[in-house]
Amino acid sequence: MGTCAAQKQKKQRHDGELQQVVAQVRLSQDCSVILKQRASQSSHLNPFKNPILSRRLKELPASPNPQTQPE
């Protein structure tokens, strides 16, 4: 696998993880719980290592009545 293909797969995986985090924040009443959970992980989605993600998660409005994610 070439470098470009590997980078493309890595980006797709990261984008999928980001979408999951954003969905969790939208469905939760308190985004700080999710921020703390992500902070304990050593991924690129750690809000303390990724200030852009941290700011965007805090700017998302909380859902007035949380729903479960469709499966």
PDB file of N, CA and C in Angstrom:
ATOM      1  N   MET A   1       0.858  -1.175   0.000  1.00  0.00           N
ATOM      2  CA  MET A   1       0.000   0.000   0.000  1.00  0.00           C
ATOM      3  C   MET A   1       0.898   1.229   0.000  1.00  0.00           C
ATOM      4  N   GLY A   2       0.595   2.150  -0.868  1.00  0.00           N
ATOM      5  CA  GLY A   2       1.393   3.360  -0.960  1.00  0.00           C
ATOM      6  C   GLY A   2       1.102   4.326   0.167  1.00  0.00           C
ATOM      7  N   THR A   3       1.931   5.332   0.268  1.00  0.00           N
ATOM      8  CA  THR A   3       1.771   6.336   1.315  1.00  0.00           C
ATOM      9  C   THR A   3       0.445   7.073   1.189  1.00  0.00           C
ATOM     10  N   CYS A   4       0.065   7.419  -0.021  1.00  0.00           N
ATOM     11  CA  CYS A   4      -1.185   8.167  -0.217  1.00  0.00           C
ATOM     12  C   CYS A   4      -2.396   7.343   0.202  1.00  0.00           C
ATOM     13  N   ALA A   5      -2.402   6.063  -0.137  1.00  0.00           N
ATOM     14  CA  ALA A   5      -3.525   5.197   0.225  1.00  0.00           C
ATOM     15  C   ALA A   5      -3.604   5.033   1.739  1.00  0.00           C
ATOM     16  N   ALA A   6      -2.462   4.901   2.391  1.00  0.00           N
ATOM     17  CA  ALA A   6      -2.443   4.759   3.846  1.00  0.00           C
ATOM     18  C   ALA A   6      -2.959   6.028   4.515  1.00  0.00           C
ATOM     19  N   GLN A   7      -2.550   7.175   4.014  1.00  0.00           N
ATOM     20  CA  GLN A   7      -3.013   8.442   4.573  1.00  0.00           C
ATOM     21  C   GLN A   7      -4.514   8.604   4.381  1.00  0.00           C
ATOM     22  N   LYS A   8      -5.018   8.173   3.232  1.00  0.00           N
ATOM     23  CA  LYS A   8      -6.449   8.283   2.947  1.00  0.00           C
ATOM     24  C   LYS A   8      -7.258   7.408   3.906  1.00  0.00           C
ATOM     25  N   GLN A   9      -6.783   6.184   4.156  1.00  0.00           N
ATOM     26  CA  GLN A   9      -7.477   5.299   5.091  1.00  0.00           C
ATOM     27  C   GLN A   9      -7.444   5.869   6.502  1.00  0.00           C
ATOM     28  N   LYS A  10      -6.322   6.415   6.892  1.00  0.00           N
ATOM     29  CA  LYS A  10      -6.189   6.997   8.227  1.00  0.00           C
ATOM     30  C   LYS A  10      -7.139   8.182   8.389  1.00  0.00           C
ATOM     31  N   LYS A  11      -7.249   9.018   7.369  1.00  0.00           N
ATOM     32  CA  LYS A  11      -8.140  10.174   7.424  1.00  0.00           C
ATOM     33  C   LYS A  11      -9.599   9.732   7.512  1.00  0.00           C
ATOM     34  N   GLN A  12      -9.980   8.712   6.755  1.00  0.00           N
ATOM     35  CA  GLN A  12     -11.352   8.217   6.802  1.00  0.00           C
ATOM     36  C   GLN A  12     -11.681   7.673   8.188  1.00  0.00           C
ATOM     37  N   ARG A  13     -10.736   6.954   8.794  1.00  0.00           N
ATOM     38  CA  ARG A  13     -10.961   6.407  10.131  1.00  0.00           C
ATOM     39  C   ARG A  13     -11.123   7.540  11.145  1.00  0.00           C
ATOM     40  N   HIS A  14     -10.268   8.566  11.057  1.00  0.00           N
ATOM     41  CA  HIS A  14     -10.354   9.697  11.979  1.00  0.00           C
ATOM     42  C   HIS A  14     -11.653  10.468  11.795  1.00  0.00           C
ATOM     43  N   ASP A  15     -12.086  10.650  10.546  1.00  0.00           N
ATOM     44  CA  ASP A  15     -13.335  11.363  10.290  1.00  0.00           C
ATOM     45  C   ASP A  15     -14.520  10.607  10.877  1.00  0.00           C
ATOM     46  N   GLY A  16     -14.495   9.282  10.787  1.00  0.00           N
ATOM     47  CA  GLY A  16     -15.567   8.473  11.366  1.00  0.00           C
ATOM     48  C   GLY A  16     -15.614   8.608  12.879  1.00  0.00           C
ATOM     49  N   GLU A  17     -14.445   8.623  13.509  1.00  0.00           N
ATOM     50  CA  GLU A  17     -14.384   8.788  14.961  1.00  0.00           C
ATOM     51  C   GLU A  17     -14.890  10.168  15.362  1.00  0.00           C
ATOM     52  N   LEU A  18     -14.539  11.176  14.598  1.00  0.00           N
ATOM     53  CA  LEU A  18     -14.987  12.535  14.899  1.00  0.00           C
ATOM     54  C   LEU A  18     -16.506  12.627  14.810  1.00  0.00           C
ATOM     55  N   GLN A  19     -17.094  12.009  13.809  1.00  0.00           N
ATOM     56  CA  GLN A  19     -18.548  12.024  13.668  1.00  0.00           C
ATOM     57  C   GLN A  19     -19.214  11.345  14.862  1.00  0.00           C
ATOM     58  N   GLN A  20     -18.615  10.283  15.374  1.00  0.00           N
ATOM     59  CA  GLN A  20     -19.171   9.608  16.549  1.00  0.00           C
ATOM     60  C   GLN A  20     -19.126  10.521  17.768  1.00  0.00           C
ATOM     61  N   VAL A  21     -18.027  11.220  17.954  1.00  0.00           N
ATOM     62  CA  VAL A  21     -17.897  12.121  19.101  1.00  0.00           C
ATOM     63  C   VAL A  21     -18.912  13.256  19.006  1.00  0.00           C
ATOM     64  N   VAL A  22     -19.059  13.842  17.834  1.00  0.00           N
ATOM     65  CA  VAL A  22     -20.018  14.935  17.652  1.00  0.00           C
ATOM     66  C   VAL A  22     -21.432  14.439  17.919  1.00  0.00           C
ATOM     67  N   ALA A  23     -21.758  13.237  17.462  1.00  0.00           N
ATOM     68  CA  ALA A  23     -23.088  12.674  17.710  1.00  0.00           C
ATOM     69  C   ALA A  23     -23.306  12.456  19.205  1.00  0.00           C
ATOM     70  N   GLN A  24     -22.286  11.982  19.913  1.00  0.00           N
ATOM     71  CA  GLN A  24     -22.404  11.785  21.361  1.00  0.00           C
ATOM     72  C   GLN A  24     -22.663  13.111  22.065  1.00  0.00           C
ATOM     73  N   VAL A  25     -21.963  14.156  21.660  1.00  0.00           N
ATOM     74  CA  VAL A  25     -22.134  15.464  22.297  1.00  0.00           C
ATOM     75  C   VAL A  25     -23.532  16.000  22.040  1.00  0.00           C
ATOM     76  N   ARG A  26     -24.020  15.839  20.827  1.00  0.00           N
ATOM     77  CA  ARG A  26     -25.358  16.332  20.510  1.00  0.00           C
ATOM     78  C   ARG A  26     -26.433  15.600  21.302  1.00  0.00           C
ATOM     79  N   LEU A  27     -26.230  14.331  21.600  1.00  0.00           N
ATOM     80  CA  LEU A  27     -27.237  13.541  22.300  1.00  0.00           C
ATOM     81  C   LEU A  27     -27.137  13.670  23.819  1.00  0.00           C
ATOM     82  N   SER A  28     -26.055  14.219  24.317  1.00  0.00           N
ATOM     83  CA  SER A  28     -25.882  14.286  25.766  1.00  0.00           C
ATOM     84  C   SER A  28     -26.342  15.629  26.316  1.00  0.00           C
ATOM     85  N   GLN A  29     -26.660  15.640  27.588  1.00  0.00           N
ATOM     86  CA  GLN A  29     -27.033  16.871  28.273  1.00  0.00           C
ATOM     87  C   GLN A  29     -25.794  17.650  28.711  1.00  0.00           C
ATOM     88  N   ASP A  30     -24.714  16.926  28.995  1.00  0.00           N
ATOM     89  CA  ASP A  30     -23.512  17.556  29.530  1.00  0.00           C
ATOM     90  C   ASP A  30     -22.301  17.105  28.718  1.00  0.00           C
ATOM     91  N   CYS A  31     -21.758  18.001  27.908  1.00  0.00           N
ATOM     92  CA  CYS A  31     -20.632  17.620  27.056  1.00  0.00           C
ATOM     93  C   CYS A  31     -19.340  17.453  27.854  1.00  0.00           C
ATOM     94  N   SER A  32     -19.287  17.953  29.080  1.00  0.00           N
ATOM     95  CA  SER A  32     -18.058  17.829  29.864  1.00  0.00           C
ATOM     96  C   SER A  32     -17.739  16.375  30.184  1.00  0.00           C
ATOM     97  N   VAL A  33     -18.765  15.528  30.300  1.00  0.00           N
ATOM     98  CA  VAL A  33     -18.535  14.103  30.554  1.00  0.00           C
ATOM     99  C   VAL A  33     -17.797  13.483  29.368  1.00  0.00           C
ATOM    100  N   ILE A  34     -18.234  13.823  28.183  1.00  0.00           N
ATOM    101  CA  ILE A  34     -17.598  13.284  26.983  1.00  0.00           C
ATOM    102  C   ILE A  34     -16.190  13.856  26.833  1.00  0.00           C
ATOM    103  N   LEU A  35     -16.020  15.129  27.163  1.00  0.00           N
ATOM    104  CA  LEU A  35     -14.686  15.728  27.099  1.00  0.00           C
ATOM    105  C   LEU A  35     -13.730  15.029  28.059  1.00  0.00           C
ATOM    106  N   LYS A  36     -14.203  14.722  29.267  1.00  0.00           N
ATOM    107  CA  LYS A  36     -13.355  14.021  30.235  1.00  0.00           C
ATOM    108  C   LYS A  36     -13.025  12.617  29.755  1.00  0.00           C
ATOM    109  N   GLN A  37     -14.011  11.945  29.163  1.00  0.00           N
ATOM    110  CA  GLN A  37     -13.785  10.597  28.647  1.00  0.00           C
ATOM    111  C   GLN A  37     -12.734  10.636  27.531  1.00  0.00           C
ATOM    112  N   ARG A  38     -12.848  11.582  26.629  1.00  0.00           N
ATOM    113  CA  ARG A  38     -11.895  11.699  25.528  1.00  0.00           C
ATOM    114  C   ARG A  38     -10.520  12.116  26.034  1.00  0.00           C
ATOM    115  N   ALA A  39     -10.473  12.894  27.104  1.00  0.00           N
ATOM    116  CA  ALA A  39      -9.193  13.343  27.643  1.00  0.00           C
ATOM    117  C   ALA A  39      -8.399  12.185  28.217  1.00  0.00           C
ATOM    118  N   SER A  40      -9.103  11.151  28.675  1.00  0.00           N
ATOM    119  CA  SER A  40      -8.411  10.002  29.246  1.00  0.00           C
ATOM    120  C   SER A  40      -7.829   9.100  28.159  1.00  0.00           C
ATOM    121  N   GLN A  41      -8.176   9.335  26.922  1.00  0.00           N
ATOM    122  CA  GLN A  41      -7.662   8.537  25.813  1.00  0.00           C
ATOM    123  C   GLN A  41      -6.501   9.271  25.159  1.00  0.00           C
ATOM    124  N   SER A  42      -5.677   8.530  24.478  1.00  0.00           N
ATOM    125  CA  SER A  42      -4.509   9.156  23.848  1.00  0.00           C
ATOM    126  C   SER A  42      -4.671   9.247  22.337  1.00  0.00           C
ATOM    127  N   SER A  43      -5.885   9.484  21.885  1.00  0.00           N
ATOM    128  CA  SER A  43      -6.123   9.581  20.446  1.00  0.00           C
ATOM    129  C   SER A  43      -6.033  11.032  19.990  1.00  0.00           C
ATOM    130  N   HIS A  44      -6.167  11.230  18.691  1.00  0.00           N
ATOM    131  CA  HIS A  44      -6.154  12.590  18.145  1.00  0.00           C
ATOM    132  C   HIS A  44      -7.423  13.345  18.532  1.00  0.00           C
ATOM    133  N   LEU A  45      -8.415  12.643  19.088  1.00  0.00           N
ATOM    134  CA  LEU A  45      -9.658  13.292  19.502  1.00  0.00           C
ATOM    135  C   LEU A  45      -9.642  13.685  20.977  1.00  0.00           C
ATOM    136  N   ASN A  46      -8.482  13.674  21.584  1.00  0.00           N
ATOM    137  CA  ASN A  46      -8.344  14.151  22.951  1.00  0.00           C
ATOM    138  C   ASN A  46      -8.479  15.671  22.911  1.00  0.00           C
ATOM    139  N   PRO A  47      -9.542  16.232  23.527  1.00  0.00           N
ATOM    140  CA  PRO A  47      -9.769  17.678  23.413  1.00  0.00           C
ATOM    141  C   PRO A  47      -8.667  18.530  24.031  1.00  0.00           C
ATOM    142  N   PHE A  48      -7.893  17.968  24.966  1.00  0.00           N
ATOM    143  CA  PHE A  48      -6.815  18.747  25.560  1.00  0.00           C
ATOM    144  C   PHE A  48      -5.596  18.793  24.645  1.00  0.00           C
ATOM    145  N   LYS A  49      -5.497  17.825  23.739  1.00  0.00           N
ATOM    146  CA  LYS A  49      -4.420  17.845  22.754  1.00  0.00           C
ATOM    147  C   LYS A  49      -4.888  18.453  21.439  1.00  0.00           C
ATOM    148  N   ASN A  50      -6.189  18.639  21.296  1.00  0.00           N
ATOM    149  CA  ASN A  50      -6.763  19.169  20.064  1.00  0.00           C
ATOM    150  C   ASN A  50      -7.685  20.337  20.429  1.00  0.00           C
ATOM    151  N   PRO A  51      -7.148  21.552  20.546  1.00  0.00           N
ATOM    152  CA  PRO A  51      -7.955  22.689  20.998  1.00  0.00           C
ATOM    153  C   PRO A  51      -9.098  23.046  20.051  1.00  0.00           C
ATOM    154  N   ILE A  52      -8.944  22.756  18.772  1.00  0.00           N
ATOM    155  CA  ILE A  52     -10.026  23.047  17.824  1.00  0.00           C
ATOM    156  C   ILE A  52     -11.224  22.164  18.132  1.00  0.00           C
ATOM    157  N   LEU A  53     -10.981  20.881  18.371  1.00  0.00           N
ATOM    158  CA  LEU A  53     -12.066  19.963  18.718  1.00  0.00           C
ATOM    159  C   LEU A  53     -12.712  20.382  20.033  1.00  0.00           C
ATOM    160  N   SER A  54     -11.916  20.746  21.012  1.00  0.00           N
ATOM    161  CA  SER A  54     -12.450  21.163  22.302  1.00  0.00           C
ATOM    162  C   SER A  54     -13.395  22.349  22.147  1.00  0.00           C
ATOM    163  N   ARG A  55     -12.982  23.343  21.387  1.00  0.00           N
ATOM    164  CA  ARG A  55     -13.820  24.524  21.176  1.00  0.00           C
ATOM    165  C   ARG A  55     -15.114  24.163  20.454  1.00  0.00           C
ATOM    166  N   ARG A  56     -15.017  23.339  19.431  1.00  0.00           N
ATOM    167  CA  ARG A  56     -16.215  22.971  18.667  1.00  0.00           C
ATOM    168  C   ARG A  56     -17.191  22.156  19.501  1.00  0.00           C
ATOM    169  N   LEU A  57     -16.692  21.267  20.338  1.00  0.00           N
ATOM    170  CA  LEU A  57     -17.583  20.472  21.181  1.00  0.00           C
ATOM    171  C   LEU A  57     -18.303  21.357  22.196  1.00  0.00           C
ATOM    172  N   LYS A  58     -17.624  22.347  22.718  1.00  0.00           N
ATOM    173  CA  LYS A  58     -18.252  23.248  23.684  1.00  0.00           C
ATOM    174  C   LYS A  58     -19.276  24.163  23.017  1.00  0.00           C
ATOM    175  N   GLU A  59     -19.098  24.449  21.730  1.00  0.00           N
ATOM    176  CA  GLU A  59     -20.025  25.327  21.018  1.00  0.00           C
ATOM    177  C   GLU A  59     -21.291  24.610  20.583  1.00  0.00           C
ATOM    178  N   LEU A  60     -21.268  23.269  20.519  1.00  0.00           N
ATOM    179  CA  LEU A  60     -22.454  22.525  20.086  1.00  0.00           C
ATOM    180  C   LEU A  60     -23.562  22.679  21.116  1.00  0.00           C
ATOM    181  N   PRO A  61     -24.764  22.997  20.684  1.00  0.00           N
ATOM    182  CA  PRO A  61     -25.873  23.105  21.641  1.00  0.00           C
ATOM    183  C   PRO A  61     -26.286  21.725  22.141  1.00  0.00           C
ATOM    184  N   ALA A  62     -26.629  21.646  23.413  1.00  0.00           N
ATOM    185  CA  ALA A  62     -27.087  20.381  23.985  1.00  0.00           C
ATOM    186  C   ALA A  62     -28.508  20.113  23.536  1.00  0.00           C
ATOM    187  N   SER A  63     -28.809  18.865  23.355  1.00  0.00           N
ATOM    188  CA  SER A  63     -30.151  18.477  22.937  1.00  0.00           C
ATOM    189  C   SER A  63     -31.100  18.613  24.122  1.00  0.00           C
ATOM    190  N   PRO A  64     -32.267  19.266  23.965  1.00  0.00           N
ATOM    191  CA  PRO A  64     -33.196  19.425  25.081  1.00  0.00           C
ATOM    192  C   PRO A  64     -33.749  18.089  25.573  1.00  0.00           C
ATOM    193  N   ASN A  65     -33.951  17.146  24.697  1.00  0.00           N
ATOM    194  CA  ASN A  65     -34.381  15.806  25.096  1.00  0.00           C
ATOM    195  C   ASN A  65     -33.525  14.804  24.337  1.00  0.00           C
ATOM    196  N   PRO A  66     -32.511  14.238  25.025  1.00  0.00           N
ATOM    197  CA  PRO A  66     -31.576  13.340  24.357  1.00  0.00           C
ATOM    198  C   PRO A  66     -32.281  12.112  23.795  1.00  0.00           C
ATOM    199  N   GLN A  67     -31.776  11.647  22.668  1.00  0.00           N
ATOM    200  CA  GLN A  67     -32.320  10.469  22.015  1.00  0.00           C
ATOM    201  C   GLN A  67     -31.225   9.419  21.936  1.00  0.00           C
ATOM    202  N   THR A  68     -31.637   8.192  21.763  1.00  0.00           N
ATOM    203  CA  THR A  68     -30.643   7.146  21.583  1.00  0.00           C
ATOM    204  C   THR A  68     -30.208   7.137  20.134  1.00  0.00           C
ATOM    205  N   GLN A  69     -28.998   6.688  19.910  1.00  0.00           N
ATOM    206  CA  GLN A  69     -28.488   6.650  18.553  1.00  0.00           C
ATOM    207  C   GLN A  69     -29.132   5.499  17.793  1.00  0.00           C
ATOM    208  N   PRO A  70     -29.512   5.712  16.539  1.00  0.00           N
ATOM    209  CA  PRO A  70     -30.079   4.612  15.750  1.00  0.00           C
ATOM    210  C   PRO A  70     -29.014   3.578  15.427  1.00  0.00           C
ATOM    211  N   GLU A  71     -29.392   2.340  15.456  1.00  0.00           N
ATOM    212  CA  GLU A  71     -28.415   1.280  15.187  1.00  0.00           C
ATOM    213  C   GLU A  71     -28.769   0.533  13.948  1.00  0.00           C
TER     214      GLU A  71
END
